[in-house]
Amino acid sequence: MLDDGKITAYFADRSILVSLIKDSKAPGKLKLAENYLSVEPYALALPRGDEEFRLAVDRALSHIYRGGEIGPLFKRTFGDANPGQVLGTLYLITGLPD
């Protein structure tokens, strides 16, 4: 709808917006605001009560964040966009040692 001029603004999760800009007919005409107007809670669904599996998943994610693998994953998913300050902070917090 932005590409067709039917709307002038769109609010959504930042990751979705980055993807939409990347796939736009005219990405140079679109601007992503620096201020966050929503918080999108994301989580991985895990079986209830399987603490060993949850710990294995948490450790694997922590290693991805701490080892720097998240950068290439982000780039492969979202192109040349950079994670915002909030997401960067989340990477630091989530990458705490085991």
PDB file of N, CA and C in Angstrom:
ATOM      1  N   MET A   1       0.819  -1.191   0.000  1.00  0.00           N
ATOM      2  CA  MET A   1       0.000   0.000   0.000  1.00  0.00           C
ATOM      3  C   MET A   1       0.869   1.264   0.000  1.00  0.00           C
ATOM      4  N   LEU A   2       2.034   1.192   0.663  1.00  0.00           N
ATOM      5  CA  LEU A   2       2.957   2.327   0.600  1.00  0.00           C
ATOM      6  C   LEU A   2       3.450   2.528  -0.826  1.00  0.00           C
ATOM      7  N   ASP A   3       3.816   1.436  -1.477  1.00  0.00           N
ATOM      8  CA  ASP A   3       4.290   1.519  -2.859  1.00  0.00           C
ATOM      9  C   ASP A   3       3.245   2.118  -3.793  1.00  0.00           C
ATOM     10  N   ASP A   4       1.991   1.830  -3.525  1.00  0.00           N
ATOM     11  CA  ASP A   4       0.904   2.315  -4.387  1.00  0.00           C
ATOM     12  C   ASP A   4       0.378   3.684  -3.970  1.00  0.00           C
ATOM     13  N   GLY A   5       0.927   4.267  -2.896  1.00  0.00           N
ATOM     14  CA  GLY A   5       0.509   5.589  -2.448  1.00  0.00           C
ATOM     15  C   GLY A   5      -0.833   5.612  -1.741  1.00  0.00           C
ATOM     16  N   LYS A   6      -1.308   4.453  -1.314  1.00  0.00           N
ATOM     17  CA  LYS A   6      -2.609   4.385  -0.633  1.00  0.00           C
ATOM     18  C   LYS A   6      -2.496   4.753   0.843  1.00  0.00           C
ATOM     19  N   ILE A   7      -1.299   4.634   1.409  1.00  0.00           N
ATOM     20  CA  ILE A   7      -1.049   5.029   2.792  1.00  0.00           C
ATOM     21  C   ILE A   7       0.284   5.777   2.835  1.00  0.00           C
ATOM     22  N   THR A   8       0.476   6.577   3.876  1.00  0.00           N
ATOM     23  CA  THR A   8       1.725   7.334   3.988  1.00  0.00           C
ATOM     24  C   THR A   8       2.617   6.825   5.115  1.00  0.00           C
ATOM     25  N   ALA A   9       2.088   5.963   5.967  1.00  0.00           N
ATOM     26  CA  ALA A   9       2.878   5.416   7.072  1.00  0.00           C
ATOM     27  C   ALA A   9       2.350   4.038   7.428  1.00  0.00           C
ATOM     28  N   TYR A  10       3.226   3.241   8.026  1.00  0.00           N
ATOM     29  CA  TYR A  10       2.851   1.892   8.425  1.00  0.00           C
ATOM     30  C   TYR A  10       3.600   1.546   9.703  1.00  0.00           C
ATOM     31  N   PHE A  11       2.894   1.081  10.720  1.00  0.00           N
ATOM     32  CA  PHE A  11       3.485   0.691  11.989  1.00  0.00           C
ATOM     33  C   PHE A  11       3.483  -0.820  12.082  1.00  0.00           C
ATOM     34  N   ALA A  12       4.629  -1.376  12.454  1.00  0.00           N
ATOM     35  CA  ALA A  12       4.721  -2.831  12.637  1.00  0.00           C
ATOM     36  C   ALA A  12       6.034  -3.138  13.346  1.00  0.00           C
ATOM     37  N   ASP A  13       6.259  -4.400  13.583  1.00  0.00           N
ATOM     38  CA  ASP A  13       7.524  -4.847  14.128  1.00  0.00           C
ATOM     39  C   ASP A  13       8.652  -4.391  13.206  1.00  0.00           C
ATOM     40  N   ARG A  14       9.748  -3.931  13.775  1.00  0.00           N
ATOM     41  CA  ARG A  14      10.861  -3.394  12.999  1.00  0.00           C
ATOM     42  C   ARG A  14      11.393  -4.396  11.976  1.00  0.00           C
ATOM     43  N   SER A  15      11.486  -5.661  12.340  1.00  0.00           N
ATOM     44  CA  SER A  15      11.983  -6.683  11.416  1.00  0.00           C
ATOM     45  C   SER A  15      11.083  -6.798  10.187  1.00  0.00           C
ATOM     46  N   ILE A  16       9.797  -6.706  10.398  1.00  0.00           N
ATOM     47  CA  ILE A  16       8.846  -6.760   9.282  1.00  0.00           C
ATOM     48  C   ILE A  16       9.019  -5.531   8.399  1.00  0.00           C
ATOM     49  N   LEU A  17       9.182  -4.362   9.023  1.00  0.00           N
ATOM     50  CA  LEU A  17       9.359  -3.133   8.256  1.00  0.00           C
ATOM     51  C   LEU A  17      10.626  -3.178   7.415  1.00  0.00           C
ATOM     52  N   VAL A  18      11.709  -3.673   7.984  1.00  0.00           N
ATOM     53  CA  VAL A  18      12.968  -3.786   7.237  1.00  0.00           C
ATOM     54  C   VAL A  18      12.785  -4.678   6.019  1.00  0.00           C
ATOM     55  N   SER A  19      12.096  -5.777   6.208  1.00  0.00           N
ATOM     56  CA  SER A  19      11.836  -6.701   5.108  1.00  0.00           C
ATOM     57  C   SER A  19      10.966  -6.055   4.025  1.00  0.00           C
ATOM     58  N   LEU A  20       9.948  -5.306   4.448  1.00  0.00           N
ATOM     59  CA  LEU A  20       9.070  -4.634   3.485  1.00  0.00           C
ATOM     60  C   LEU A  20       9.825  -3.574   2.682  1.00  0.00           C
ATOM     61  N   ILE A  21      10.712  -2.847   3.339  1.00  0.00           N
ATOM     62  CA  ILE A  21      11.514  -1.849   2.629  1.00  0.00           C
ATOM     63  C   ILE A  21      12.409  -2.543   1.604  1.00  0.00           C
ATOM     64  N   LYS A  22      13.028  -3.631   2.019  1.00  0.00           N
ATOM     65  CA  LYS A  22      13.920  -4.373   1.120  1.00  0.00           C
ATOM     66  C   LYS A  22      13.185  -4.832  -0.139  1.00  0.00           C
ATOM     67  N   ASP A  23      11.937  -5.237   0.010  1.00  0.00           N
ATOM     68  CA  ASP A  23      11.153  -5.773  -1.110  1.00  0.00           C
ATOM     69  C   ASP A  23      10.329  -4.711  -1.833  1.00  0.00           C
ATOM     70  N   SER A  24      10.449  -3.461  -1.424  1.00  0.00           N
ATOM     71  CA  SER A  24       9.660  -2.383  -2.018  1.00  0.00           C
ATOM     72  C   SER A  24      10.073  -2.100  -3.464  1.00  0.00           C
ATOM     73  N   LYS A  25       9.139  -1.543  -4.220  1.00  0.00           N
ATOM     74  CA  LYS A  25       9.426  -1.108  -5.596  1.00  0.00           C
ATOM     75  C   LYS A  25      10.391   0.077  -5.586  1.00  0.00           C
ATOM     76  N   ALA A  26      10.337   0.894  -4.544  1.00  0.00           N
ATOM     77  CA  ALA A  26      11.177   2.091  -4.442  1.00  0.00           C
ATOM     78  C   ALA A  26      11.691   2.240  -3.009  1.00  0.00           C
ATOM     79  N   PRO A  27      12.621   1.391  -2.577  1.00  0.00           N
ATOM     80  CA  PRO A  27      13.083   1.452  -1.184  1.00  0.00           C
ATOM     81  C   PRO A  27      13.709   2.780  -0.807  1.00  0.00           C
ATOM     82  N   GLY A  28      14.263   3.509  -1.755  1.00  0.00           N
ATOM     83  CA  GLY A  28      14.870   4.804  -1.463  1.00  0.00           C
ATOM     84  C   GLY A  28      13.872   5.866  -1.063  1.00  0.00           C
ATOM     85  N   LYS A  29      12.604   5.647  -1.349  1.00  0.00           N
ATOM     86  CA  LYS A  29      11.569   6.609  -0.992  1.00  0.00           C
ATOM     87  C   LYS A  29      10.988   6.358   0.403  1.00  0.00           C
ATOM     88  N   LEU A  30      11.386   5.254   1.022  1.00  0.00           N
ATOM     89  CA  LEU A  30      10.843   4.898   2.334  1.00  0.00           C
ATOM     90  C   LEU A  30      11.868   5.185   3.420  1.00  0.00           C
ATOM     91  N   LYS A  31      11.371   5.569   4.588  1.00  0.00           N
ATOM     92  CA  LYS A  31      12.239   5.856   5.731  1.00  0.00           C
ATOM     93  C   LYS A  31      11.727   5.107   6.946  1.00  0.00           C
ATOM     94  N   LEU A  32      12.663   4.509   7.657  1.00  0.00           N
ATOM     95  CA  LEU A  32      12.338   3.786   8.883  1.00  0.00           C
ATOM     96  C   LEU A  32      12.656   4.700  10.058  1.00  0.00           C
ATOM     97  N   ALA A  33      11.653   5.032  10.854  1.00  0.00           N
ATOM     98  CA  ALA A  33      11.837   5.925  11.994  1.00  0.00           C
ATOM     99  C   ALA A  33      12.740   5.277  13.041  1.00  0.00           C
ATOM    100  N   GLU A  34      13.478   6.101  13.750  1.00  0.00           N
ATOM    101  CA  GLU A  34      14.371   5.609  14.803  1.00  0.00           C
ATOM    102  C   GLU A  34      13.628   5.326  16.108  1.00  0.00           C
ATOM    103  N   ASN A  35      12.484   5.963  16.301  1.00  0.00           N
ATOM    104  CA  ASN A  35      11.744   5.747  17.542  1.00  0.00           C
ATOM    105  C   ASN A  35      10.870   4.494  17.425  1.00  0.00           C
ATOM    106  N   TYR A  36      10.775   3.777  18.519  1.00  0.00           N
ATOM    107  CA  TYR A  36       9.982   2.550  18.576  1.00  0.00           C
ATOM    108  C   TYR A  36       8.602   2.886  19.132  1.00  0.00           C
ATOM    109  N   LEU A  37       7.575   2.523  18.417  1.00  0.00           N
ATOM    110  CA  LEU A  37       6.211   2.822  18.852  1.00  0.00           C
ATOM    111  C   LEU A  37       5.479   1.579  19.335  1.00  0.00           C
ATOM    112  N   SER A  38       6.129   0.444  19.232  1.00  0.00           N
ATOM    113  CA  SER A  38       5.517  -0.791  19.731  1.00  0.00           C
ATOM    114  C   SER A  38       6.614  -1.745  20.182  1.00  0.00           C
ATOM    115  N   VAL A  39       6.257  -2.654  21.041  1.00  0.00           N
ATOM    116  CA  VAL A  39       7.155  -3.709  21.479  1.00  0.00           C
ATOM    117  C   VAL A  39       6.499  -5.016  21.081  1.00  0.00           C
ATOM    118  N   GLU A  40       7.219  -5.812  20.322  1.00  0.00           N
ATOM    119  CA  GLU A  40       6.664  -7.067  19.821  1.00  0.00           C
ATOM    120  C   GLU A  40       7.275  -8.237  20.587  1.00  0.00           C
ATOM    121  N   PRO A  41       6.479  -8.913  21.389  1.00  0.00           N
ATOM    122  CA  PRO A  41       7.023 -10.044  22.153  1.00  0.00           C
ATOM    123  C   PRO A  41       7.160 -11.285  21.262  1.00  0.00           C
ATOM    124  N   TYR A  42       8.375 -11.750  21.115  1.00  0.00           N
ATOM    125  CA  TYR A  42       8.632 -12.972  20.357  1.00  0.00           C
ATOM    126  C   TYR A  42       9.216 -14.014  21.285  1.00  0.00           C
ATOM    127  N   ALA A  43       8.945 -15.248  20.985  1.00  0.00           N
ATOM    128  CA  ALA A  43       9.493 -16.335  21.782  1.00  0.00           C
ATOM    129  C   ALA A  43       9.507 -17.604  20.947  1.00  0.00           C
ATOM    130  N   LEU A  44      10.303 -18.535  21.376  1.00  0.00           N
ATOM    131  CA  LEU A  44      10.294 -19.860  20.766  1.00  0.00           C
ATOM    132  C   LEU A  44       9.384 -20.751  21.594  1.00  0.00           C
ATOM    133  N   ALA A  45       8.553 -21.516  20.945  1.00  0.00           N
ATOM    134  CA  ALA A  45       7.678 -22.447  21.655  1.00  0.00           C
ATOM    135  C   ALA A  45       8.462 -23.717  21.983  1.00  0.00           C
ATOM    136  N   LEU A  46       8.429 -24.077  23.244  1.00  0.00           N
ATOM    137  CA  LEU A  46       9.120 -25.275  23.702  1.00  0.00           C
ATOM    138  C   LEU A  46       8.155 -26.132  24.503  1.00  0.00           C
ATOM    139  N   PRO A  47       8.392 -27.434  24.542  1.00  0.00           N
ATOM    140  CA  PRO A  47       7.512 -28.288  25.347  1.00  0.00           C
ATOM    141  C   PRO A  47       7.575 -27.902  26.818  1.00  0.00           C
ATOM    142  N   ARG A  48       6.441 -27.879  27.468  1.00  0.00           N
ATOM    143  CA  ARG A  48       6.369 -27.541  28.889  1.00  0.00           C
ATOM    144  C   ARG A  48       7.052 -28.646  29.707  1.00  0.00           C
ATOM    145  N   GLY A  49       7.890 -28.201  30.642  1.00  0.00           N
ATOM    146  CA  GLY A  49       8.507 -29.149  31.565  1.00  0.00           C
ATOM    147  C   GLY A  49       9.793 -29.779  31.073  1.00  0.00           C
ATOM    148  N   ASP A  50      10.214 -29.512  29.855  1.00  0.00           N
ATOM    149  CA  ASP A  50      11.451 -30.095  29.342  1.00  0.00           C
ATOM    150  C   ASP A  50      12.590 -29.107  29.577  1.00  0.00           C
ATOM    151  N   GLU A  51      13.030 -29.025  30.816  1.00  0.00           N
ATOM    152  CA  GLU A  51      14.029 -28.036  31.208  1.00  0.00           C
ATOM    153  C   GLU A  51      15.379 -28.274  30.543  1.00  0.00           C
ATOM    154  N   GLU A  52      15.743 -29.524  30.302  1.00  0.00           N
ATOM    155  CA  GLU A  52      17.023 -29.807  29.643  1.00  0.00           C
ATOM    156  C   GLU A  52      17.021 -29.258  28.217  1.00  0.00           C
ATOM    157  N   PHE A  53      15.923 -29.429  27.502  1.00  0.00           N
ATOM    158  CA  PHE A  53      15.828 -28.917  26.136  1.00  0.00           C
ATOM    159  C   PHE A  53      15.833 -27.391  26.145  1.00  0.00           C
ATOM    160  N   ARG A  54      15.096 -26.776  27.075  1.00  0.00           N
ATOM    161  CA  ARG A  54      15.067 -25.317  27.177  1.00  0.00           C
ATOM    162  C   ARG A  54      16.467 -24.777  27.433  1.00  0.00           C
ATOM    163  N   LEU A  55      17.199 -25.415  28.327  1.00  0.00           N
ATOM    164  CA  LEU A  55      18.553 -24.986  28.629  1.00  0.00           C
ATOM    165  C   LEU A  55      19.463 -25.139  27.405  1.00  0.00           C
ATOM    166  N   ALA A  56      19.300 -26.230  26.662  1.00  0.00           N
ATOM    167  CA  ALA A  56      20.106 -26.437  25.449  1.00  0.00           C
ATOM    168  C   ALA A  56      19.812 -25.349  24.415  1.00  0.00           C
ATOM    169  N   VAL A  57      18.548 -24.997  24.246  1.00  0.00           N
ATOM    170  CA  VAL A  57      18.165 -23.937  23.305  1.00  0.00           C
ATOM    171  C   VAL A  57      18.717 -22.595  23.777  1.00  0.00           C
ATOM    172  N   ASP A  58      18.560 -22.280  25.058  1.00  0.00           N
ATOM    173  CA  ASP A  58      19.083 -21.022  25.604  1.00  0.00           C
ATOM    174  C   ASP A  58      20.593 -20.923  25.406  1.00  0.00           C
ATOM    175  N   ARG A  59      21.291 -22.020  25.655  1.00  0.00           N
ATOM    176  CA  ARG A  59      22.753 -22.006  25.481  1.00  0.00           C
ATOM    177  C   ARG A  59      23.132 -21.820  24.014  1.00  0.00           C
ATOM    178  N   ALA A  60      22.439 -22.522  23.125  1.00  0.00           N
ATOM    179  CA  ALA A  60      22.738 -22.399  21.690  1.00  0.00           C
ATOM    180  C   ALA A  60      22.520 -20.959  21.225  1.00  0.00           C
ATOM    181  N   LEU A  61      21.415 -20.349  21.629  1.00  0.00           N
ATOM    182  CA  LEU A  61      21.153 -18.954  21.251  1.00  0.00           C
ATOM    183  C   LEU A  61      22.202 -18.025  21.847  1.00  0.00           C
ATOM    184  N   SER A  62      22.571 -18.252  23.092  1.00  0.00           N
ATOM    185  CA  SER A  62      23.585 -17.434  23.743  1.00  0.00           C
ATOM    186  C   SER A  62      24.905 -17.509  22.983  1.00  0.00           C
ATOM    187  N   HIS A  63      25.271 -18.692  22.521  1.00  0.00           N
ATOM    188  CA  HIS A  63      26.515 -18.861  21.761  1.00  0.00           C
ATOM    189  C   HIS A  63      26.440 -18.134  20.419  1.00  0.00           C
ATOM    190  N   ILE A  64      25.273 -18.157  19.785  1.00  0.00           N
ATOM    191  CA  ILE A  64      25.088 -17.453  18.506  1.00  0.00           C
ATOM    192  C   ILE A  64      25.278 -15.953  18.715  1.00  0.00           C
ATOM    193  N   TYR A  65      24.676 -15.406  19.770  1.00  0.00           N
ATOM    194  CA  TYR A  65      24.796 -13.975  20.044  1.00  0.00           C
ATOM    195  C   TYR A  65      26.224 -13.611  20.452  1.00  0.00           C
ATOM    196  N   ARG A  66      26.789 -14.363  21.385  1.00  0.00           N
ATOM    197  CA  ARG A  66      28.113 -14.051  21.920  1.00  0.00           C
ATOM    198  C   ARG A  66      29.212 -14.272  20.887  1.00  0.00           C
ATOM    199  N   GLY A  67      29.048 -15.274  20.020  1.00  0.00           N
ATOM    200  CA  GLY A  67      30.072 -15.604  19.037  1.00  0.00           C
ATOM    201  C   GLY A  67      30.038 -14.740  17.787  1.00  0.00           C
ATOM    202  N   GLY A  68      29.059 -13.837  17.704  1.00  0.00           N
ATOM    203  CA  GLY A  68      28.987 -12.951  16.548  1.00  0.00           C
ATOM    204  C   GLY A  68      28.273 -13.527  15.345  1.00  0.00           C
ATOM    205  N   GLU A  69      27.730 -14.730  15.472  1.00  0.00           N
ATOM    206  CA  GLU A  69      27.022 -15.345  14.347  1.00  0.00           C
ATOM    207  C   GLU A  69      25.704 -14.645  14.027  1.00  0.00           C
ATOM    208  N   ILE A  70      25.178 -13.883  14.985  1.00  0.00           N
ATOM    209  CA  ILE A  70      23.895 -13.221  14.773  1.00  0.00           C
ATOM    210  C   ILE A  70      23.984 -12.172  13.670  1.00  0.00           C
ATOM    211  N   GLY A  71      25.135 -11.512  13.527  1.00  0.00           N
ATOM    212  CA  GLY A  71      25.302 -10.505  12.481  1.00  0.00           C
ATOM    213  C   GLY A  71      25.074 -11.064  11.088  1.00  0.00           C
ATOM    214  N   PRO A  72      25.795 -12.126  10.693  1.00  0.00           N
ATOM    215  CA  PRO A  72      25.557 -12.722   9.377  1.00  0.00           C
ATOM    216  C   PRO A  72      24.136 -13.279   9.212  1.00  0.00           C
ATOM    217  N   LEU A  73      23.571 -13.833  10.288  1.00  0.00           N
ATOM    218  CA  LEU A  73      22.188 -14.325  10.205  1.00  0.00           C
ATOM    219  C   LEU A  73      21.224 -13.176   9.944  1.00  0.00           C
ATOM    220  N   PHE A  74      21.427 -12.066  10.647  1.00  0.00           N
ATOM    221  CA  PHE A  74      20.580 -10.890  10.461  1.00  0.00           C
ATOM    222  C   PHE A  74      20.719 -10.364   9.035  1.00  0.00           C
ATOM    223  N   LYS A  75      21.950 -10.275   8.550  1.00  0.00           N
ATOM    224  CA  LYS A  75      22.200  -9.760   7.203  1.00  0.00           C
ATOM    225  C   LYS A  75      21.571 -10.664   6.147  1.00  0.00           C
ATOM    226  N   ARG A  76      21.701 -11.967   6.326  1.00  0.00           N
ATOM    227  CA  ARG A  76      21.112 -12.912   5.369  1.00  0.00           C
ATOM    228  C   ARG A  76      19.587 -12.799   5.346  1.00  0.00           C
ATOM    229  N   THR A  77      19.002 -12.520   6.496  1.00  0.00           N
ATOM    230  CA  THR A  77      17.549 -12.421   6.585  1.00  0.00           C
ATOM    231  C   THR A  77      17.023 -11.066   6.130  1.00  0.00           C
ATOM    232  N   PHE A  78      17.707  -9.979   6.540  1.00  0.00           N
ATOM    233  CA  PHE A  78      17.173  -8.633   6.317  1.00  0.00           C
ATOM    234  C   PHE A  78      18.000  -7.773   5.362  1.00  0.00           C
ATOM    235  N   GLY A  79      19.007  -8.334   4.741  1.00  0.00           N
ATOM    236  CA  GLY A  79      19.798  -7.572   3.783  1.00  0.00           C
ATOM    237  C   GLY A  79      20.728  -6.594   4.460  1.00  0.00           C
ATOM    238  N   ASP A  80      20.875  -5.410   3.886  1.00  0.00           N
ATOM    239  CA  ASP A  80      21.839  -4.422   4.375  1.00  0.00           C
ATOM    240  C   ASP A  80      21.371  -3.639   5.588  1.00  0.00           C
ATOM    241  N   ALA A  81      20.191  -3.926   6.094  1.00  0.00           N
ATOM    242  CA  ALA A  81      19.689  -3.211   7.274  1.00  0.00           C
ATOM    243  C   ALA A  81      20.543  -3.556   8.492  1.00  0.00           C
ATOM    244  N   ASN A  82      20.615  -2.635   9.408  1.00  0.00           N
ATOM    245  CA  ASN A  82      21.327  -2.869  10.656  1.00  0.00           C
ATOM    246  C   ASN A  82      20.331  -3.006  11.791  1.00  0.00           C
ATOM    247  N   PRO A  83      20.633  -3.887  12.757  1.00  0.00           N
ATOM    248  CA  PRO A  83      19.726  -3.978  13.898  1.00  0.00           C
ATOM    249  C   PRO A  83      19.728  -2.663  14.662  1.00  0.00           C
ATOM    250  N   GLY A  84      18.588  -2.275  15.167  1.00  0.00           N
ATOM    251  CA  GLY A  84      18.483  -1.039  15.932  1.00  0.00           C
ATOM    252  C   GLY A  84      19.136  -1.164  17.293  1.00  0.00           C
ATOM    253  N   GLN A  85      19.148  -0.058  18.026  1.00  0.00           N
ATOM    254  CA  GLN A  85      19.786  -0.015  19.335  1.00  0.00           C
ATOM    255  C   GLN A  85      19.132  -1.002  20.313  1.00  0.00           C
ATOM    256  N   VAL A  86      17.830  -1.099  20.293  1.00  0.00           N
ATOM    257  CA  VAL A  86      17.130  -2.011  21.211  1.00  0.00           C
ATOM    258  C   VAL A  86      17.515  -3.453  20.914  1.00  0.00           C
ATOM    259  N   LEU A  87      17.539  -3.825  19.640  1.00  0.00           N
ATOM    260  CA  LEU A  87      17.901  -5.197  19.269  1.00  0.00           C
ATOM    261  C   LEU A  87      19.363  -5.482  19.599  1.00  0.00           C
ATOM    262  N   GLY A  88      20.228  -4.508  19.367  1.00  0.00           N
ATOM    263  CA  GLY A  88      21.633  -4.673  19.722  1.00  0.00           C
ATOM    264  C   GLY A  88      21.820  -4.911  21.209  1.00  0.00           C
ATOM    265  N   THR A  89      21.064  -4.202  22.017  1.00  0.00           N
ATOM    266  CA  THR A  89      21.107  -4.394  23.464  1.00  0.00           C
ATOM    267  C   THR A  89      20.610  -5.790  23.834  1.00  0.00           C
ATOM    268  N   LEU A  90      19.568  -6.224  23.166  1.00  0.00           N
ATOM    269  CA  LEU A  90      19.056  -7.579  23.416  1.00  0.00           C
ATOM    270  C   LEU A  90      20.123  -8.627  23.106  1.00  0.00           C
ATOM    271  N   TYR A  91      20.862  -8.444  22.027  1.00  0.00           N
ATOM    272  CA  TYR A  91      21.947  -9.377  21.689  1.00  0.00           C
ATOM    273  C   TYR A  91      22.972  -9.439  22.812  1.00  0.00           C
ATOM    274  N   LEU A  92      23.330  -8.277  23.375  1.00  0.00           N
ATOM    275  CA  LEU A  92      24.305  -8.250  24.464  1.00  0.00           C
ATOM    276  C   LEU A  92      23.790  -8.974  25.704  1.00  0.00           C
ATOM    277  N   ILE A  93      22.550  -8.699  26.051  1.00  0.00           N
ATOM    278  CA  ILE A  93      21.970  -9.312  27.258  1.00  0.00           C
ATOM    279  C   ILE A  93      21.808 -10.820  27.076  1.00  0.00           C
ATOM    280  N   THR A  94      21.337 -11.225  25.904  1.00  0.00           N
ATOM    281  CA  THR A  94      21.069 -12.637  25.660  1.00  0.00           C
ATOM    282  C   THR A  94      22.357 -13.434  25.496  1.00  0.00           C
ATOM    283  N   GLY A  95      23.436 -12.761  25.162  1.00  0.00           N
ATOM    284  CA  GLY A  95      24.711 -13.454  24.954  1.00  0.00           C
ATOM    285  C   GLY A  95      25.548 -13.611  26.200  1.00  0.00           C
ATOM    286  N   LEU A  96      24.934 -13.539  27.370  1.00  0.00           N
ATOM    287  CA  LEU A  96      25.685 -13.719  28.607  1.00  0.00           C
ATOM    288  C   LEU A  96      26.255 -15.131  28.688  1.00  0.00           C
ATOM    289  N   PRO A  97      27.405 -15.295  29.312  1.00  0.00           N
ATOM    290  CA  PRO A  97      28.030 -16.623  29.410  1.00  0.00           C
ATOM    291  C   PRO A  97      27.120 -17.638  30.101  1.00  0.00           C
ATOM    292  N   ASP A  98      27.377 -18.903  29.813  1.00  0.00           N
ATOM    293  CA  ASP A  98      26.598 -20.008  30.404  1.00  0.00           C
ATOM    294  C   ASP A  98      26.654 -19.964  31.917  1.00  0.00           C
TER     295      ASP A  98
END
